Amino acid sequence: MELQRFVYAATVKRVVDGDTADLVVDLGFHTSQEMRVRLLGINAPETYGVPHDSDEYQAGKRAADYLRERVEGKEVVLRTEKDRTGKYGRYLATLYLGETDVNEELVEKGLVKRATY
């Protein structure tokens, strides 16, 4: 049996870090909801709780800056893999900008690593 997936139109309100963003999701019927999503299948270097002069922070900042430039303020398609939240209360999702899988683009650019949950 194939995993059921949910697809929504959304606007990226704010990029939090290299693998997390706040979105306004169009649920249909003139209803929208703000929510935080964790980009599925990737893990960005941390920018919180690490020294700002560390390599990890600098790499995390590059990932966040790229994601911010790419999607912040733009309309995207959001595909969730689970109709529930993950460990930190965020929905696990893939973002698409046009036909581009943004999660995969971050991996291809070497800004994040693949992750499994």
N, C-alpha and C. Protein backbone atom coordinates (compact mmCIF):
# COMPACT_ATOMS: atom_id res chain seq x y z
N MET A 1 0.85 -1.18 0.00
CA MET A 1 0.00 0.00 0.00
C MET A 1 0.89 1.24 0.00
N GLU A 2 0.58 2.18 -0.88
CA GLU A 2 1.36 3.41 -0.97
C GLU A 2 0.95 4.38 0.14
N LEU A 3 1.94 5.06 0.70
CA LEU A 3 1.70 6.06 1.73
C LEU A 3 0.88 7.21 1.15
N GLN A 4 -0.19 7.59 1.83
CA GLN A 4 -1.01 8.70 1.37
C GLN A 4 -0.27 10.01 1.60
N ARG A 5 -0.32 10.89 0.61
CA ARG A 5 0.37 12.16 0.71
C ARG A 5 -0.63 13.29 0.56
N PHE A 6 -0.34 14.40 1.21
CA PHE A 6 -1.21 15.56 1.17
C PHE A 6 -0.45 16.69 0.49
N VAL A 7 -1.11 17.36 -0.46
CA VAL A 7 -0.48 18.41 -1.25
C VAL A 7 -1.26 19.70 -1.08
N TYR A 8 -0.55 20.80 -0.80
CA TYR A 8 -1.18 22.09 -0.54
C TYR A 8 -0.42 23.20 -1.24
N ALA A 9 -1.11 24.28 -1.57
CA ALA A 9 -0.46 25.52 -1.99
C ALA A 9 -0.09 26.25 -0.71
N ALA A 10 1.05 26.93 -0.72
CA ALA A 10 1.50 27.63 0.48
C ALA A 10 2.38 28.81 0.09
N THR A 11 2.51 29.74 1.01
CA THR A 11 3.45 30.85 0.86
C THR A 11 4.45 30.76 2.00
N VAL A 12 5.73 30.86 1.66
CA VAL A 12 6.77 30.80 2.68
C VAL A 12 6.86 32.17 3.35
N LYS A 13 6.48 32.18 4.61
CA LYS A 13 6.48 33.42 5.39
C LYS A 13 7.88 33.75 5.89
N ARG A 14 8.59 32.70 6.36
CA ARG A 14 9.92 32.93 6.94
C ARG A 14 10.72 31.64 6.94
N VAL A 15 11.97 31.74 6.56
CA VAL A 15 12.89 30.61 6.68
C VAL A 15 13.53 30.70 8.06
N VAL A 16 13.39 29.65 8.85
CA VAL A 16 13.92 29.61 10.21
C VAL A 16 15.39 29.20 10.21
N ASP A 17 15.70 28.14 9.47
CA ASP A 17 17.07 27.68 9.30
C ASP A 17 17.13 26.88 8.01
N GLY A 18 18.20 26.13 7.79
CA GLY A 18 18.38 25.45 6.53
C GLY A 18 17.45 24.29 6.25
N ASP A 19 16.67 23.86 7.24
CA ASP A 19 15.72 22.77 7.01
C ASP A 19 14.36 23.01 7.68
N THR A 20 14.07 24.25 8.02
CA THR A 20 12.80 24.58 8.69
C THR A 20 12.28 25.91 8.17
N ALA A 21 10.96 25.97 7.93
CA ALA A 21 10.36 27.21 7.45
C ALA A 21 8.95 27.37 8.02
N ASP A 22 8.53 28.62 8.15
CA ASP A 22 7.17 28.95 8.55
C ASP A 22 6.39 29.29 7.28
N LEU A 23 5.23 28.65 7.12
CA LEU A 23 4.43 28.82 5.92
C LEU A 23 3.00 29.22 6.26
N VAL A 24 2.34 29.86 5.32
CA VAL A 24 0.90 30.06 5.37
C VAL A 24 0.35 29.08 4.34
N VAL A 25 -0.37 28.07 4.82
CA VAL A 25 -0.83 26.97 3.98
C VAL A 25 -2.30 27.17 3.63
N ASP A 26 -2.60 27.10 2.34
CA ASP A 26 -3.97 27.20 1.84
C ASP A 26 -4.63 25.83 1.98
N LEU A 27 -5.61 25.74 2.86
CA LEU A 27 -6.30 24.48 3.11
C LEU A 27 -7.55 24.33 2.26
N GLY A 28 -7.84 25.34 1.44
CA GLY A 28 -9.05 25.32 0.61
C GLY A 28 -10.21 25.94 1.36
N PHE A 29 -11.29 26.17 0.66
CA PHE A 29 -12.51 26.74 1.25
C PHE A 29 -12.24 28.05 1.99
N HIS A 30 -11.36 28.89 1.40
CA HIS A 30 -11.01 30.20 1.98
C HIS A 30 -10.45 30.06 3.40
N THR A 31 -9.74 28.98 3.64
CA THR A 31 -9.15 28.72 4.95
C THR A 31 -7.64 28.54 4.79
N SER A 32 -6.89 29.25 5.63
CA SER A 32 -5.44 29.06 5.62
C SER A 32 -4.95 28.92 7.05
N GLN A 33 -3.78 28.36 7.20
CA GLN A 33 -3.22 28.15 8.52
C GLN A 33 -1.71 28.36 8.46
N GLU A 34 -1.18 29.06 9.46
CA GLU A 34 0.26 29.20 9.57
C GLU A 34 0.81 27.98 10.28
N MET A 35 1.91 27.46 9.76
CA MET A 35 2.53 26.30 10.41
C MET A 35 4.02 26.26 10.10
N ARG A 36 4.73 25.62 10.99
CA ARG A 36 6.17 25.40 10.81
C ARG A 36 6.36 24.02 10.24
N VAL A 37 7.20 23.91 9.20
CA VAL A 37 7.47 22.61 8.59
C VAL A 37 8.97 22.32 8.64
N ARG A 38 9.26 21.04 8.74
CA ARG A 38 10.63 20.52 8.69
C ARG A 38 10.79 19.88 7.34
N LEU A 39 11.79 20.29 6.58
CA LEU A 39 11.99 19.74 5.25
C LEU A 39 12.39 18.28 5.36
N LEU A 40 11.61 17.43 4.72
CA LEU A 40 11.74 15.98 4.83
C LEU A 40 12.99 15.46 4.13
N GLY A 41 13.66 14.53 4.78
CA GLY A 41 14.76 13.81 4.17
C GLY A 41 16.09 14.53 4.15
N ILE A 42 16.16 15.69 4.83
CA ILE A 42 17.42 16.43 4.87
C ILE A 42 17.71 16.89 6.29
N ASN A 43 18.98 17.21 6.51
CA ASN A 43 19.39 17.76 7.80
C ASN A 43 20.44 18.82 7.53
N ALA A 44 20.14 20.05 7.93
CA ALA A 44 21.07 21.16 7.75
C ALA A 44 21.95 21.31 8.98
N PRO A 45 23.16 21.82 8.81
CA PRO A 45 23.99 22.13 9.98
C PRO A 45 23.27 23.13 10.89
N GLU A 46 23.51 23.02 12.17
CA GLU A 46 22.81 23.86 13.15
C GLU A 46 23.31 25.30 13.15
N THR A 47 22.37 26.21 13.43
CA THR A 47 22.72 27.62 13.63
C THR A 47 22.31 28.07 15.03
N TYR A 48 21.59 27.23 15.74
CA TYR A 48 21.16 27.55 17.10
C TYR A 48 21.93 26.68 18.08
N GLY A 49 22.43 27.30 19.14
CA GLY A 49 23.12 26.55 20.18
C GLY A 49 24.54 26.15 19.86
N VAL A 50 25.10 26.72 18.80
CA VAL A 50 26.50 26.46 18.46
C VAL A 50 27.22 27.80 18.35
N PRO A 51 28.51 27.84 18.63
CA PRO A 51 29.25 29.10 18.54
C PRO A 51 29.19 29.69 17.12
N HIS A 52 29.01 30.99 17.05
CA HIS A 52 28.87 31.67 15.75
C HIS A 52 30.15 31.62 14.92
N ASP A 53 31.27 31.35 15.55
CA ASP A 53 32.52 31.27 14.79
C ASP A 53 32.86 29.84 14.40
N SER A 54 31.95 28.89 14.66
CA SER A 54 32.20 27.49 14.33
C SER A 54 31.90 27.21 12.85
N ASP A 55 32.55 26.18 12.32
CA ASP A 55 32.29 25.75 10.94
C ASP A 55 30.84 25.33 10.77
N GLU A 56 30.29 24.65 11.79
CA GLU A 56 28.90 24.20 11.71
C GLU A 56 27.95 25.38 11.56
N TYR A 57 28.14 26.41 12.37
CA TYR A 57 27.28 27.60 12.28
C TYR A 57 27.38 28.24 10.90
N GLN A 58 28.60 28.39 10.40
CA GLN A 58 28.80 29.03 9.09
C GLN A 58 28.13 28.21 7.98
N ALA A 59 28.25 26.88 8.04
CA ALA A 59 27.61 26.02 7.05
C ALA A 59 26.09 26.10 7.17
N GLY A 60 25.58 26.13 8.39
CA GLY A 60 24.14 26.25 8.61
C GLY A 60 23.61 27.58 8.11
N LYS A 61 24.38 28.63 8.30
CA LYS A 61 23.98 29.95 7.83
C LYS A 61 23.92 29.98 6.30
N ARG A 62 24.90 29.34 5.64
CA ARG A 62 24.88 29.28 4.17
C ARG A 62 23.63 28.56 3.68
N ALA A 63 23.28 27.45 4.33
CA ALA A 63 22.08 26.70 3.94
C ALA A 63 20.83 27.55 4.15
N ALA A 64 20.73 28.20 5.29
CA ALA A 64 19.56 29.04 5.59
C ALA A 64 19.48 30.22 4.64
N ASP A 65 20.60 30.86 4.36
CA ASP A 65 20.61 32.01 3.45
C ASP A 65 20.17 31.60 2.05
N TYR A 66 20.66 30.45 1.58
CA TYR A 66 20.27 29.96 0.25
C TYR A 66 18.78 29.67 0.21
N LEU A 67 18.28 28.96 1.23
CA LEU A 67 16.86 28.63 1.27
C LEU A 67 16.02 29.90 1.34
N ARG A 68 16.45 30.86 2.13
CA ARG A 68 15.74 32.13 2.27
C ARG A 68 15.65 32.85 0.91
N GLU A 69 16.77 32.94 0.23
CA GLU A 69 16.82 33.59 -1.09
C GLU A 69 15.92 32.86 -2.09
N ARG A 70 15.90 31.56 -1.99
CA ARG A 70 15.17 30.72 -2.95
C ARG A 70 13.66 30.77 -2.76
N VAL A 71 13.18 30.73 -1.49
CA VAL A 71 11.73 30.53 -1.30
C VAL A 71 11.01 31.56 -0.44
N GLU A 72 11.73 32.34 0.37
CA GLU A 72 11.02 33.23 1.30
C GLU A 72 10.17 34.24 0.55
N GLY A 73 8.90 34.35 0.95
CA GLY A 73 7.95 35.26 0.32
C GLY A 73 7.34 34.72 -0.96
N LYS A 74 7.70 33.51 -1.34
CA LYS A 74 7.22 32.94 -2.60
C LYS A 74 6.15 31.88 -2.36
N GLU A 75 5.35 31.66 -3.42
CA GLU A 75 4.36 30.59 -3.38
C GLU A 75 5.04 29.28 -3.76
N VAL A 76 4.75 28.25 -2.99
CA VAL A 76 5.33 26.93 -3.21
C VAL A 76 4.22 25.89 -3.13
N VAL A 77 4.55 24.68 -3.52
CA VAL A 77 3.67 23.53 -3.28
C VAL A 77 4.29 22.76 -2.13
N LEU A 78 3.47 22.40 -1.18
CA LEU A 78 3.88 21.69 0.03
C LEU A 78 3.31 20.28 -0.04
N ARG A 79 4.18 19.29 0.08
CA ARG A 79 3.71 17.89 0.11
C ARG A 79 4.15 17.29 1.43
N THR A 80 3.18 16.94 2.26
CA THR A 80 3.51 16.32 3.54
C THR A 80 3.51 14.81 3.38
N GLU A 81 4.38 14.16 4.11
CA GLU A 81 4.47 12.70 4.06
C GLU A 81 3.63 12.05 5.15
N LYS A 82 3.34 12.79 6.18
CA LYS A 82 2.55 12.27 7.29
C LYS A 82 1.56 13.34 7.70
N ASP A 83 0.37 12.95 8.03
CA ASP A 83 -0.62 13.92 8.48
C ASP A 83 -0.53 14.06 10.00
N ARG A 84 0.69 14.23 10.45
CA ARG A 84 0.94 14.45 11.87
C ARG A 84 2.29 15.15 11.99
N THR A 85 2.57 15.64 13.15
CA THR A 85 3.81 16.37 13.34
C THR A 85 4.92 15.45 13.80
N GLY A 86 6.15 15.89 13.58
CA GLY A 86 7.32 15.14 14.00
C GLY A 86 7.69 15.46 15.43
N LYS A 87 8.90 15.12 15.78
CA LYS A 87 9.43 15.21 17.13
C LYS A 87 9.26 16.60 17.77
N TYR A 88 9.44 17.65 16.99
CA TYR A 88 9.37 19.01 17.53
C TYR A 88 8.10 19.76 17.12
N GLY A 89 7.06 19.03 16.77
CA GLY A 89 5.78 19.66 16.45
C GLY A 89 5.69 20.24 15.05
N ARG A 90 6.62 19.88 14.19
CA ARG A 90 6.62 20.38 12.82
C ARG A 90 6.15 19.28 11.87
N TYR A 91 5.40 19.68 10.84
CA TYR A 91 5.04 18.73 9.80
C TYR A 91 6.27 18.44 8.95
N LEU A 92 6.43 17.20 8.53
CA LEU A 92 7.53 16.80 7.66
C LEU A 92 7.06 16.98 6.23
N ALA A 93 7.81 17.75 5.42
CA ALA A 93 7.30 18.11 4.10
C ALA A 93 8.40 18.32 3.08
N THR A 94 8.00 18.19 1.83
CA THR A 94 8.84 18.56 0.69
C THR A 94 8.27 19.83 0.10
N LEU A 95 9.14 20.79 -0.22
CA LEU A 95 8.71 22.03 -0.86
C LEU A 95 9.07 21.96 -2.34
N TYR A 96 8.14 22.41 -3.17
CA TYR A 96 8.37 22.50 -4.61
C TYR A 96 8.20 23.94 -5.04
N LEU A 97 9.17 24.43 -5.77
CA LEU A 97 9.11 25.76 -6.37
C LEU A 97 9.02 25.49 -7.87
N GLY A 98 7.82 25.67 -8.42
CA GLY A 98 7.59 25.21 -9.79
C GLY A 98 7.74 23.70 -9.81
N GLU A 99 8.58 23.20 -10.70
CA GLU A 99 8.82 21.75 -10.79
C GLU A 99 10.01 21.31 -9.93
N THR A 100 10.67 22.25 -9.28
CA THR A 100 11.89 21.95 -8.54
C THR A 100 11.61 21.48 -7.13
N ASP A 101 12.15 20.32 -6.78
CA ASP A 101 12.11 19.79 -5.41
C ASP A 101 13.20 20.54 -4.64
N VAL A 102 12.79 21.48 -3.80
CA VAL A 102 13.74 22.34 -3.09
C VAL A 102 14.59 21.53 -2.11
N ASN A 103 14.00 20.54 -1.46
CA ASN A 103 14.75 19.69 -0.53
C ASN A 103 15.93 19.04 -1.26
N GLU A 104 15.64 18.45 -2.42
CA GLU A 104 16.67 17.78 -3.21
C GLU A 104 17.70 18.78 -3.73
N GLU A 105 17.25 19.96 -4.10
CA GLU A 105 18.17 20.99 -4.58
C GLU A 105 19.20 21.34 -3.50
N LEU A 106 18.77 21.43 -2.25
CA LEU A 106 19.70 21.73 -1.16
C LEU A 106 20.76 20.64 -1.01
N VAL A 107 20.35 19.38 -1.20
CA VAL A 107 21.30 18.26 -1.14
C VAL A 107 22.29 18.36 -2.30
N GLU A 108 21.76 18.58 -3.51
CA GLU A 108 22.61 18.64 -4.71
C GLU A 108 23.63 19.77 -4.63
N LYS A 109 23.28 20.86 -3.98
CA LYS A 109 24.19 22.00 -3.83
C LYS A 109 25.19 21.78 -2.70
N GLY A 110 25.04 20.67 -1.95
CA GLY A 110 25.97 20.36 -0.87
C GLY A 110 25.74 21.17 0.40
N LEU A 111 24.56 21.79 0.51
CA LEU A 111 24.26 22.64 1.66
C LEU A 111 23.71 21.86 2.85
N VAL A 112 23.11 20.70 2.58
CA VAL A 112 22.53 19.86 3.63
C VAL A 112 22.89 18.40 3.33
N LYS A 113 22.65 17.54 4.31
CA LYS A 113 22.87 16.10 4.13
C LYS A 113 21.53 15.39 4.11
N ARG A 114 21.51 14.25 3.46
CA ARG A 114 20.30 13.42 3.49
C ARG A 114 20.11 12.90 4.92
N ALA A 115 18.85 12.73 5.30
CA ALA A 115 18.55 12.22 6.63
C ALA A 115 17.38 11.26 6.55
N THR A 116 17.34 10.31 7.46
CA THR A 116 16.19 9.43 7.60
C THR A 116 15.66 9.58 9.01
N TYR A 117 14.38 9.39 9.16
CA TYR A 117 13.75 9.58 10.47
C TYR A 117 13.14 8.28 10.93
